C-alpha atoms as a PDB file:
ATOM      1  CA  UNK A   1       0.022  -0.283   0.146  1.00  0.00           C
ATOM      2  CA  UNK A   2       1.333   3.563  -1.047  1.00  0.00           C
ATOM      3  CA  UNK A   3       2.177   6.187   2.086  1.00  0.00           C
ATOM      4  CA  UNK A   4       0.563   9.610   1.838  1.00  0.00           C
ATOM      5  CA  UNK A   5       1.328  12.369   4.428  1.00  0.00           C
ATOM      6  CA  UNK A   6      -0.924  15.110   5.228  1.00  0.00           C
ATOM      7  CA  UNK A   7      -0.525  18.474   6.797  1.00  0.00           C
ATOM      8  CA  UNK A   8      -2.683  20.296   8.461  1.00  0.00           C
ATOM      9  CA  UNK A   9      -2.532  24.103   8.571  1.00  0.00           C
ATOM     10  CA  UNK A  10      -2.447  25.273  12.098  1.00  0.00           C
ATOM     11  CA  UNK A  11      -4.129  28.747  10.853  1.00  0.00           C
ATOM     12  CA  UNK A  12      -6.941  26.904   8.872  1.00  0.00           C
ATOM     13  CA  UNK A  13      -7.758  24.758  12.007  1.00  0.00           C
ATOM     14  CA  UNK A  14      -8.015  27.984  14.224  1.00  0.00           C
ATOM     15  CA  UNK A  15      -8.631  31.298  11.996  1.00  0.00           C
ATOM     16  CA  UNK A  16      -5.801  33.768  13.864  1.00  0.00           C
ATOM     17  CA  UNK A  17      -8.158  36.942  12.444  1.00  0.00           C
ATOM     18  CA  UNK A  18     -11.257  35.377  14.586  1.00  0.00           C
ATOM     19  CA  UNK A  19     -12.188  34.596  17.959  1.00  0.00           C
ATOM     20  CA  UNK A  20      -9.474  31.409  19.425  1.00  0.00           C
ATOM     21  CA  UNK A  21     -11.553  29.101  20.432  1.00  0.00           C
ATOM     22  CA  UNK A  22     -10.857  25.306  20.874  1.00  0.00           C
ATOM     23  CA  UNK A  23     -14.237  24.558  20.033  1.00  0.00           C
ATOM     24  CA  UNK A  24     -14.121  25.897  17.148  1.00  0.00           C
ATOM     25  CA  UNK A  25     -11.111  24.000  16.064  1.00  0.00           C
ATOM     26  CA  UNK A  26     -12.707  20.676  17.230  1.00  0.00           C
ATOM     27  CA  UNK A  27     -15.096  21.829  14.768  1.00  0.00           C
ATOM     28  CA  UNK A  28     -13.113  22.241  12.205  1.00  0.00           C
ATOM     29  CA  UNK A  29     -11.131  18.710  12.623  1.00  0.00           C
ATOM     30  CA  UNK A  30     -14.296  16.927  12.622  1.00  0.00           C
ATOM     31  CA  UNK A  31     -15.126  18.614   9.718  1.00  0.00           C
ATOM     32  CA  UNK A  32     -12.142  16.597   7.630  1.00  0.00           C
ATOM     33  CA  UNK A  33     -12.024  13.759   9.786  1.00  0.00           C
ATOM     34  CA  UNK A  34     -14.171  11.299   7.863  1.00  0.00           C
ATOM     35  CA  UNK A  35     -12.607  12.363   4.671  1.00  0.00           C
ATOM     36  CA  UNK A  36      -8.973  11.293   6.227  1.00  0.00           C
ATOM     37  CA  UNK A  37     -10.531   8.202   7.290  1.00  0.00           C
ATOM     38  CA  UNK A  38     -11.727   7.422   4.176  1.00  0.00           C
ATOM     39  CA  UNK A  39      -8.397   7.962   2.374  1.00  0.00           C
ATOM     40  CA  UNK A  40      -6.597   5.855   5.258  1.00  0.00           C
ATOM     41  CA  UNK A  41      -8.220   2.888   3.227  1.00  0.00           C
ATOM     42  CA  UNK A  42      -6.216   3.581   0.760  1.00  0.00           C
ATOM     43  CA  UNK A  43      -3.006   4.863   1.939  1.00  0.00           C
ATOM     44  CA  UNK A  44      -0.592   4.325   4.857  1.00  0.00           C
ATOM     45  CA  UNK A  45      -1.017   7.628   6.624  1.00  0.00           C
ATOM     46  CA  UNK A  46       1.011  10.290   8.352  1.00  0.00           C
ATOM     47  CA  UNK A  47      -0.826  13.162   9.591  1.00  0.00           C
ATOM     48  CA  UNK A  48       0.794  16.610  10.648  1.00  0.00           C
ATOM     49  CA  UNK A  49      -0.520  19.747  11.778  1.00  0.00           C
ATOM     50  CA  UNK A  50       0.593  23.330  12.296  1.00  0.00           C
ATOM     51  CA  UNK A  51       0.961  25.396  15.309  1.00  0.00           C
ATOM     52  CA  UNK A  52       1.178  28.734  14.762  1.00  0.00           C
ATOM     53  CA  UNK A  53      -1.673  30.400  15.795  1.00  0.00           C
ATOM     54  CA  UNK A  54      -1.668  27.899  18.790  1.00  0.00           C
ATOM     55  CA  UNK A  55       1.808  28.519  20.314  1.00  0.00           C
ATOM     56  CA  UNK A  56       1.415  32.267  20.128  1.00  0.00           C
ATOM     57  CA  UNK A  57      -1.534  31.808  22.272  1.00  0.00           C
ATOM     58  CA  UNK A  58       1.119  30.163  24.778  1.00  0.00           C
ATOM     59  CA  UNK A  59       3.826  32.363  24.702  1.00  0.00           C
ATOM     60  CA  UNK A  60       1.355  35.123  25.739  1.00  0.00           C
ATOM     61  CA  UNK A  61      -0.016  33.017  28.198  1.00  0.00           C
ATOM     62  CA  UNK A  62       3.359  32.411  29.332  1.00  0.00           C
ATOM     63  CA  UNK A  63       4.045  36.260  29.381  1.00  0.00           C
ATOM     64  CA  UNK A  64       0.788  37.248  31.174  1.00  0.00           C
ATOM     65  CA  UNK A  65       1.018  34.518  33.929  1.00  0.00           C
ATOM     66  CA  UNK A  66       4.950  34.627  34.531  1.00  0.00           C
ATOM     67  CA  UNK A  67       4.691  37.005  37.484  1.00  0.00           C
ATOM     68  CA  UNK A  68       2.524  33.873  39.224  1.00  0.00           C
ATOM     69  CA  UNK A  69       4.402  30.604  37.371  1.00  0.00           C
ATOM     70  CA  UNK A  70       7.722  30.076  35.714  1.00  0.00           C
ATOM     71  CA  UNK A  71       8.157  30.456  32.306  1.00  0.00           C
ATOM     72  CA  UNK A  72       8.590  27.883  29.800  1.00  0.00           C
ATOM     73  CA  UNK A  73      10.918  27.708  27.160  1.00  0.00           C
ATOM     74  CA  UNK A  74       9.532  28.279  23.724  1.00  0.00           C
ATOM     75  CA  UNK A  75      10.544  24.346  22.649  1.00  0.00           C
ATOM     76  CA  UNK A  76       8.449  23.270  25.414  1.00  0.00           C
ATOM     77  CA  UNK A  77       5.568  25.300  24.276  1.00  0.00           C
ATOM     78  CA  UNK A  78       6.066  23.420  20.632  1.00  0.00           C
ATOM     79  CA  UNK A  79       5.790  20.064  23.066  1.00  0.00           C
ATOM     80  CA  UNK A  80       2.561  21.353  24.757  1.00  0.00           C
ATOM     81  CA  UNK A  81       0.948  22.542  21.364  1.00  0.00           C
ATOM     82  CA  UNK A  82       1.454  19.096  19.894  1.00  0.00           C
ATOM     83  CA  UNK A  83       0.108  17.143  22.319  1.00  0.00           C
ATOM     84  CA  UNK A  84      -3.056  19.115  22.405  1.00  0.00           C
ATOM     85  CA  UNK A  85      -4.004  19.659  19.133  1.00  0.00           C
ATOM     86  CA  UNK A  86      -2.467  15.959  18.503  1.00  0.00           C
ATOM     87  CA  UNK A  87      -5.350  14.815  20.974  1.00  0.00           C
ATOM     88  CA  UNK A  88      -7.979  16.775  19.214  1.00  0.00           C
ATOM     89  CA  UNK A  89      -6.934  15.309  15.968  1.00  0.00           C
ATOM     90  CA  UNK A  90      -6.867  11.583  17.328  1.00  0.00           C
ATOM     91  CA  UNK A  91     -10.231  11.950  18.896  1.00  0.00           C
ATOM     92  CA  UNK A  92     -11.714  13.466  15.971  1.00  0.00           C
ATOM     93  CA  UNK A  93     -10.186  10.746  13.808  1.00  0.00           C
ATOM     94  CA  UNK A  94     -11.514   7.856  16.554  1.00  0.00           C
ATOM     95  CA  UNK A  95     -14.801   9.293  16.437  1.00  0.00           C
ATOM     96  CA  UNK A  96     -14.870   9.536  12.410  1.00  0.00           C
ATOM     97  CA  UNK A  97     -13.778   5.597  12.204  1.00  0.00           C
ATOM     98  CA  UNK A  98     -16.648   4.659  14.590  1.00  0.00           C
ATOM     99  CA  UNK A  99     -19.340   6.024  12.546  1.00  0.00           C
ATOM    100  CA  UNK A 100     -17.833   4.771   9.313  1.00  0.00           C
ATOM    101  CA  UNK A 101     -17.252   1.294  11.040  1.00  0.00           C
ATOM    102  CA  UNK A 102     -14.037   1.122  10.409  1.00  0.00           C
ATOM    103  CA  UNK A 103     -11.632  -0.427  12.405  1.00  0.00           C
ATOM    104  CA  UNK A 104      -8.614   2.461  13.095  1.00  0.00           C
ATOM    105  CA  UNK A 105      -5.798   2.400  15.205  1.00  0.00           C
ATOM    106  CA  UNK A 106      -4.348   5.937  15.651  1.00  0.00           C
ATOM    107  CA  UNK A 107      -1.517   7.186  17.526  1.00  0.00           C
ATOM    108  CA  UNK A 108       0.026  10.124  18.462  1.00  0.00           C
ATOM    109  CA  UNK A 109       3.968  10.246  18.207  1.00  0.00           C
ATOM    110  CA  UNK A 110       5.475  13.665  20.057  1.00  0.00           C
ATOM    111  CA  UNK A 111       8.442  14.351  17.590  1.00  0.00           C
ATOM    112  CA  UNK A 112      11.871  16.106  18.039  1.00  0.00           C
ATOM    113  CA  UNK A 113      13.747  17.667  15.430  1.00  0.00           C
ATOM    114  CA  UNK A 114      17.048  18.208  14.102  1.00  0.00           C
ATOM    115  CA  UNK A 115      18.167  21.911  13.697  1.00  0.00           C
ATOM    116  CA  UNK A 116      21.449  23.588  13.474  1.00  0.00           C
ATOM    117  CA  UNK A 117      21.844  26.087  16.509  1.00  0.00           C
ATOM    118  CA  UNK A 118      23.875  28.273  13.627  1.00  0.00           C
ATOM    119  CA  UNK A 119      21.127  28.532  11.069  1.00  0.00           C
ATOM    120  CA  UNK A 120      20.412  31.770  10.202  1.00  0.00           C
ATOM    121  CA  UNK A 121      17.191  32.027  11.377  1.00  0.00           C
ATOM    122  CA  UNK A 122      18.063  32.660  14.503  1.00  0.00           C
ATOM    123  CA  UNK A 123      19.233  35.891  13.331  1.00  0.00           C
ATOM    124  CA  UNK A 124      16.355  36.595  10.747  1.00  0.00           C
ATOM    125  CA  UNK A 125      13.092  35.325  12.498  1.00  0.00           C
ATOM    126  CA  UNK A 126      10.564  35.404   9.770  1.00  0.00           C
ATOM    127  CA  UNK A 127       7.895  32.419  11.266  1.00  0.00           C
ATOM    128  CA  UNK A 128       4.446  34.042  12.220  1.00  0.00           C
ATOM    129  CA  UNK A 129       2.937  32.713  15.431  1.00  0.00           C
ATOM    130  CA  UNK A 130      -0.133  34.056  17.474  1.00  0.00           C
ATOM    131  CA  UNK A 131      -2.525  36.395  16.371  1.00  0.00           C
ATOM    132  CA  UNK A 132      -3.002  39.239  14.596  1.00  0.00           C
ATOM    133  CA  UNK A 133      -2.869  42.587  16.676  1.00  0.00           C
ATOM    134  CA  UNK A 134      -3.974  46.056  15.768  1.00  0.00           C
ATOM    135  CA  UNK A 135      -1.100  48.914  16.567  1.00  0.00           C
ATOM    136  CA  UNK A 136      -2.849  49.832  19.473  1.00  0.00           C
ATOM    137  CA  UNK A 137      -3.351  46.125  20.982  1.00  0.00           C
ATOM    138  CA  UNK A 138       0.741  45.295  19.515  1.00  0.00           C
ATOM    139  CA  UNK A 139       1.466  48.427  21.762  1.00  0.00           C
ATOM    140  CA  UNK A 140      -0.024  46.886  25.099  1.00  0.00           C
ATOM    141  CA  UNK A 141       1.716  43.587  24.530  1.00  0.00           C
ATOM    142  CA  UNK A 142       4.722  44.674  24.108  1.00  0.00           C
ATOM    143  CA  UNK A 143       4.519  46.135  27.525  1.00  0.00           C
ATOM    144  CA  UNK A 144       4.552  42.457  28.825  1.00  0.00           C
ATOM    145  CA  UNK A 145       7.478  41.374  26.466  1.00  0.00           C
ATOM    146  CA  UNK A 146       9.581  42.420  23.603  1.00  0.00           C
ATOM    147  CA  UNK A 147       9.583  40.707  20.604  1.00  0.00           C
ATOM    148  CA  UNK A 148      10.202  40.892  16.911  1.00  0.00           C
ATOM    149  CA  UNK A 149       6.981  41.264  14.362  1.00  0.00           C
ATOM    150  CA  UNK A 150       5.837  42.166  11.401  1.00  0.00           C
ATOM    151  CA  UNK A 151       3.253  44.082   9.843  1.00  0.00           C
ATOM    152  CA  UNK A 152       0.446  42.375   7.399  1.00  0.00           C
ATOM    153  CA  UNK A 153      -2.114  44.118   5.770  1.00  0.00           C
ATOM    154  CA  UNK A 154      -2.174  46.770   8.399  1.00  0.00           C
ATOM    155  CA  UNK A 155      -2.036  44.415  11.292  1.00  0.00           C
ATOM    156  CA  UNK A 156       0.484  43.047  13.158  1.00  0.00           C
ATOM    157  CA  UNK A 157       2.053  39.321  13.939  1.00  0.00           C
ATOM    158  CA  UNK A 158       4.532  38.005  16.129  1.00  0.00           C
ATOM    159  CA  UNK A 159       7.715  36.534  14.409  1.00  0.00           C
ATOM    160  CA  UNK A 160      10.386  33.876  15.371  1.00  0.00           C
ATOM    161  CA  UNK A 161      13.184  32.247  14.690  1.00  0.00           C
ATOM    162  CA  UNK A 162      12.076  28.873  12.342  1.00  0.00           C
ATOM    163  CA  UNK A 163      15.507  26.727  11.432  1.00  0.00           C
ATOM    164  CA  UNK A 164      15.933  24.130   9.022  1.00  0.00           C
ATOM    165  CA  UNK A 165      14.269  20.732   9.975  1.00  0.00           C
ATOM    166  CA  UNK A 166      17.616  18.239   9.408  1.00  0.00           C
ATOM    167  CA  UNK A 167      16.174  14.775  10.909  1.00  0.00           C
ATOM    168  CA  UNK A 168      13.763  13.202  13.249  1.00  0.00           C
ATOM    169  CA  UNK A 169      14.596  11.756  16.268  1.00  0.00           C
ATOM    170  CA  UNK A 170      11.782   9.265  16.502  1.00  0.00           C
ATOM    171  CA  UNK A 171      11.844   8.140  12.801  1.00  0.00           C
ATOM    172  CA  UNK A 172      12.641   4.570  13.172  1.00  0.00           C
ATOM    173  CA  UNK A 173       9.612   4.460  15.475  1.00  0.00           C
ATOM    174  CA  UNK A 174       7.592   6.248  13.254  1.00  0.00           C
ATOM    175  CA  UNK A 175       8.523   3.956  10.075  1.00  0.00           C
ATOM    176  CA  UNK A 176       7.798   0.719  12.596  1.00  0.00           C
ATOM    177  CA  UNK A 177       4.011   2.089  13.212  1.00  0.00           C
ATOM    178  CA  UNK A 178       2.884   3.676  10.145  1.00  0.00           C
ATOM    179  CA  UNK A 179       2.086   0.333   8.358  1.00  0.00           C
ATOM    180  CA  UNK A 180      -0.444  -0.798  11.400  1.00  0.00           C
ATOM    181  CA  UNK A 181      -1.705   2.567  12.655  1.00  0.00           C
ATOM    182  CA  UNK A 182      -2.727   6.302  11.065  1.00  0.00           C
ATOM    183  CA  UNK A 183      -0.138   8.001  12.811  1.00  0.00           C
ATOM    184  CA  UNK A 184      -0.275  12.211  13.966  1.00  0.00           C
ATOM    185  CA  UNK A 185       3.201  13.297  14.463  1.00  0.00           C
ATOM    186  CA  UNK A 186       5.721  16.298  13.967  1.00  0.00           C
ATOM    187  CA  UNK A 187       2.936  18.661  14.789  1.00  0.00           C
ATOM    188  CA  UNK A 188       3.738  22.326  14.709  1.00  0.00           C
ATOM    189  CA  UNK A 189       7.508  21.230  13.183  1.00  0.00           C
ATOM    190  CA  UNK A 190       8.078  19.157  15.571  1.00  0.00           C
ATOM    191  CA  UNK A 191      10.399  20.226  19.193  1.00  0.00           C
ATOM    192  CA  UNK A 192      13.383  21.825  18.118  1.00  0.00           C
ATOM    193  CA  UNK A 193      16.468  20.405  19.409  1.00  0.00           C
ATOM    194  CA  UNK A 194      20.579  20.185  18.947  1.00  0.00           C
ATOM    195  CA  UNK A 195      22.660  17.433  19.354  1.00  0.00           C
ATOM    196  CA  UNK A 196      26.612  17.434  20.611  1.00  0.00           C
ATOM    197  CA  UNK A 197      28.228  14.861  21.816  1.00  0.00           C
ATOM    198  CA  UNK A 198      25.164  12.074  21.834  1.00  0.00           C
ATOM    199  CA  UNK A 199      23.682  14.642  24.136  1.00  0.00           C
ATOM    200  CA  UNK A 200      19.714  16.165  23.052  1.00  0.00           C
ATOM    201  CA  UNK A 201      18.805  19.688  24.263  1.00  0.00           C
ATOM    202  CA  UNK A 202      15.908  21.739  23.129  1.00  0.00           C
ATOM    203  CA  UNK A 203      16.255  25.355  21.223  1.00  0.00           C
ATOM    204  CA  UNK A 204      13.962  28.334  21.033  1.00  0.00           C
ATOM    205  CA  UNK A 205      12.587  27.723  17.865  1.00  0.00           C
ATOM    206  CA  UNK A 206       9.017  27.190  15.729  1.00  0.00           C
ATOM    207  CA  UNK A 207      10.383  24.784  13.042  1.00  0.00           C
ATOM    208  CA  UNK A 208       7.655  25.402   9.860  1.00  0.00           C
ATOM    209  CA  UNK A 209       5.593  22.464   9.674  1.00  0.00           C
ATOM    210  CA  UNK A 210       5.289  22.478   6.160  1.00  0.00           C
ATOM    211  CA  UNK A 211       9.642  21.781   5.781  1.00  0.00           C
ATOM    212  CA  UNK A 212       9.082  19.234   8.486  1.00  0.00           C
ATOM    213  CA  UNK A 213       6.179  17.142   6.547  1.00  0.00           C
ATOM    214  CA  UNK A 214       8.274  17.150   3.787  1.00  0.00           C
ATOM    215  CA  UNK A 215      11.479  15.711   5.319  1.00  0.00           C
ATOM    216  CA  UNK A 216       8.598  13.239   7.200  1.00  0.00           C
ATOM    217  CA  UNK A 217       7.358  12.449   3.955  1.00  0.00           C
ATOM    218  CA  UNK A 218      10.828  11.423   1.970  1.00  0.00           C
ATOM    219  CA  UNK A 219      11.728   9.992   5.421  1.00  0.00           C
ATOM    220  CA  UNK A 220       9.494   7.405   5.358  1.00  0.00           C
ATOM    221  CA  UNK A 221       8.994   7.100   1.294  1.00  0.00           C
ATOM    222  CA  UNK A 222       5.604   8.373   0.861  1.00  0.00           C
ATOM    223  CA  UNK A 223       4.478   8.632  -2.547  1.00  0.00           C
ATOM    224  CA  UNK A 224       1.978  11.759  -1.752  1.00  0.00           C
ATOM    225  CA  UNK A 225       2.271  14.698   0.008  1.00  0.00           C
ATOM    226  CA  UNK A 226      -0.750  16.967   0.644  1.00  0.00           C
ATOM    227  CA  UNK A 227      -0.720  20.596   2.460  1.00  0.00           C
ATOM    228  CA  UNK A 228      -3.969  21.624   3.582  1.00  0.00           C
ATOM    229  CA  UNK A 229      -4.218  25.354   3.935  1.00  0.00           C
ATOM    230  CA  UNK A 230      -7.101  28.372   4.009  1.00  0.00           C
ATOM    231  CA  UNK A 231      -6.458  28.857   0.371  1.00  0.00           C
ATOM    232  CA  UNK A 232      -8.106  26.957  -2.090  1.00  0.00           C
ATOM    233  CA  UNK A 233      -4.896  27.300  -4.884  1.00  0.00           C
ATOM    234  CA  UNK A 234      -1.747  28.584  -5.072  1.00  0.00           C
ATOM    235  CA  UNK A 235      -2.046  31.954  -7.070  1.00  0.00           C
ATOM    236  CA  UNK A 236       0.716  33.500  -9.302  1.00  0.00           C
ATOM    237  CA  UNK A 237      -1.138  36.396  -8.222  1.00  0.00           C
ATOM    238  CA  UNK A 238      -2.898  36.068  -4.803  1.00  0.00           C
ATOM    239  CA  UNK A 239      -4.836  39.530  -5.996  1.00  0.00           C
ATOM    240  CA  UNK A 240      -6.236  37.780  -8.670  1.00  0.00           C
ATOM    241  CA  UNK A 241      -8.362  34.714  -8.308  1.00  0.00           C
ATOM    242  CA  UNK A 242      -8.096  33.959 -11.938  1.00  0.00           C
ATOM    243  CA  UNK A 243      -4.396  33.530 -11.636  1.00  0.00           C
ATOM    244  CA  UNK A 244      -4.965  29.802 -10.031  1.00  0.00           C
ATOM    245  CA  UNK A 245      -2.063  27.097 -10.547  1.00  0.00           C
ATOM    246  CA  UNK A 246      -3.727  24.448 -11.077  1.00  0.00           C
ATOM    247  CA  UNK A 247      -1.234  22.022 -12.053  1.00  0.00           C
ATOM    248  CA  UNK A 248       2.333  22.995 -12.569  1.00  0.00           C
ATOM    249  CA  UNK A 249       6.383  20.784 -12.722  1.00  0.00           C
ATOM    250  CA  UNK A 250       8.357  21.556  -9.698  1.00  0.00           C
ATOM    251  CA  UNK A 251      11.231  22.858 -12.143  1.00  0.00           C
ATOM    252  CA  UNK A 252       8.630  25.415 -13.779  1.00  0.00           C
ATOM    253  CA  UNK A 253       7.315  26.584 -10.539  1.00  0.00           C
ATOM    254  CA  UNK A 254      10.935  26.531  -8.895  1.00  0.00           C
ATOM    255  CA  UNK A 255      11.759  29.344 -11.533  1.00  0.00           C
ATOM    256  CA  UNK A 256       9.465  31.909 -10.011  1.00  0.00           C
ATOM    257  CA  UNK A 257       9.773  30.950  -6.209  1.00  0.00           C
ATOM    258  CA  UNK A 258      10.463  34.502  -5.313  1.00  0.00           C
ATOM    259  CA  UNK A 259       7.538  35.950  -6.141  1.00  0.00           C
ATOM    260  CA  UNK A 260       5.752  34.057  -3.622  1.00  0.00           C
ATOM    261  CA  UNK A 261       5.503  35.463   0.023  1.00  0.00           C
ATOM    262  CA  UNK A 262       8.030  34.406   2.369  1.00  0.00           C
ATOM    263  CA  UNK A 263       6.748  32.699   5.554  1.00  0.00           C
ATOM    264  CA  UNK A 264       3.553  31.988   4.195  1.00  0.00           C
ATOM    265  CA  UNK A 265       2.794  30.193   0.944  1.00  0.00           C
ATOM    266  CA  UNK A 266       6.630  30.087  -0.279  1.00  0.00           C
ATOM    267  CA  UNK A 267       7.942  27.384   2.416  1.00  0.00           C
ATOM    268  CA  UNK A 268       4.848  25.048   1.040  1.00  0.00           C
ATOM    269  CA  UNK A 269       5.571  25.456  -2.278  1.00  0.00           C
ATOM    270  CA  UNK A 270       9.715  24.746  -1.349  1.00  0.00           C
ATOM    271  CA  UNK A 271       8.473  21.990   0.644  1.00  0.00           C
ATOM    272  CA  UNK A 272       6.691  20.418  -2.306  1.00  0.00           C
ATOM    273  CA  UNK A 273       9.679  21.187  -4.885  1.00  0.00           C
ATOM    274  CA  UNK A 274      11.664  19.301  -2.328  1.00  0.00           C
ATOM    275  CA  UNK A 275       9.649  16.648  -1.774  1.00  0.00           C
ATOM    276  CA  UNK A 276       9.768  15.486  -5.673  1.00  0.00           C
ATOM    277  CA  UNK A 277      13.310  16.426  -5.891  1.00  0.00           C
ATOM    278  CA  UNK A 278      13.924  13.750  -3.253  1.00  0.00           C
ATOM    279  CA  UNK A 279      11.772  10.684  -4.849  1.00  0.00           C
ATOM    280  CA  UNK A 280       8.065  11.552  -4.194  1.00  0.00           C
ATOM    281  CA  UNK A 281       5.698  11.027  -7.022  1.00  0.00           C
ATOM    282  CA  UNK A 282       3.176  14.288  -6.463  1.00  0.00           C
ATOM    283  CA  UNK A 283       2.196  16.938  -3.965  1.00  0.00           C
ATOM    284  CA  UNK A 284      -0.600  18.995  -3.556  1.00  0.00           C
ATOM    285  CA  UNK A 285      -1.301  22.777  -1.950  1.00  0.00           C
ATOM    286  CA  UNK A 286      -5.442  23.053  -1.156  1.00  0.00           C
ATOM    287  CA  UNK A 287      -8.171  23.882   0.735  1.00  0.00           C
ATOM    288  CA  UNK A 288      -8.358  21.822   4.241  1.00  0.00           C
ATOM    289  CA  UNK A 289     -11.940  21.059   3.494  1.00  0.00           C
ATOM    290  CA  UNK A 290     -11.435  19.816   0.094  1.00  0.00           C
ATOM    291  CA  UNK A 291      -9.558  16.687   0.361  1.00  0.00           C
ATOM    292  CA  UNK A 292     -11.724  14.503  -2.152  1.00  0.00           C
ATOM    293  CA  UNK A 293     -11.704  17.391  -4.832  1.00  0.00           C
ATOM    294  CA  UNK A 294      -7.861  18.068  -4.660  1.00  0.00           C
ATOM    295  CA  UNK A 295      -7.159  13.992  -4.842  1.00  0.00           C
ATOM    296  CA  UNK A 296      -9.869  14.313  -7.757  1.00  0.00           C
ATOM    297  CA  UNK A 297      -7.889  17.223  -9.560  1.00  0.00           C
ATOM    298  CA  UNK A 298     -11.528  19.312  -9.075  1.00  0.00           C
ATOM    299  CA  UNK A 299      -9.417  21.844  -6.418  1.00  0.00           C
ATOM    300  CA  UNK A 300      -6.070  22.877  -5.116  1.00  0.00           C
ATOM    301  CA  UNK A 301      -2.477  22.948  -6.908  1.00  0.00           C
ATOM    302  CA  UNK A 302      -0.786  20.104  -7.948  1.00  0.00           C
ATOM    303  CA  UNK A 303       3.006  19.685  -8.318  1.00  0.00           C
ATOM    304  CA  UNK A 304       4.751  16.895  -9.829  1.00  0.00           C
END
């Protein structure tokens, strides 16, 4: 049976522009769980997920409660979101499997991902996390703690280092379990770690989940990588819906990579290109609620 990796966007599960409500995240997951369970009948499946909105919320909780409880380092906040979002996904999938009367073993594997402590990302943070702030809200947040931020469409958002993933600590465990289970792993890009003299230590960063999803997909020999997000297609001009790209060679889209926005769509396209370059058959980028249409070629951008 072929293998597939499905990457669920953290922003798509919980809209950063709206109210940050876990109940809405559960409802969104329930909407796609049936499609994922049906897909698991045709593929050995690993599911990854983002955490940009959720880990940003944890950073805020950390800062606003530091007078009462000790702050946690960023890599442990990644661990917290990997567990909490993983729980939501697992329970939704189990409920969907029961509804469809399909026997499915579903496991969450907490994953640590190697990064290089000298990665340029630590000098140039680009990974967007947390909610969008108005200018007044940003001013108030900066009173609590200083952080890097960028301006997007008149609002502001925190950015943190996002180093390149170089390996997955638990890859042997993932490979041993994936044929018998639907695996949920590498959530939020994984918990960033550095290794020296056979000693492992966490490091403060948030790894891009699409880059880790590509690394996972190639590491387990997946045939397909599907990146699900808010957008229905990749657009050559995001302001023009008529510029949707429906199917394109990896080599062709690579020539125009610099035309796409850093920190959002560009890492997704790069991940698809790298997946194909390292042996994958096809990669897809599309709307999180249109999984069936994407695989039928009726929606989404296919990169091959």
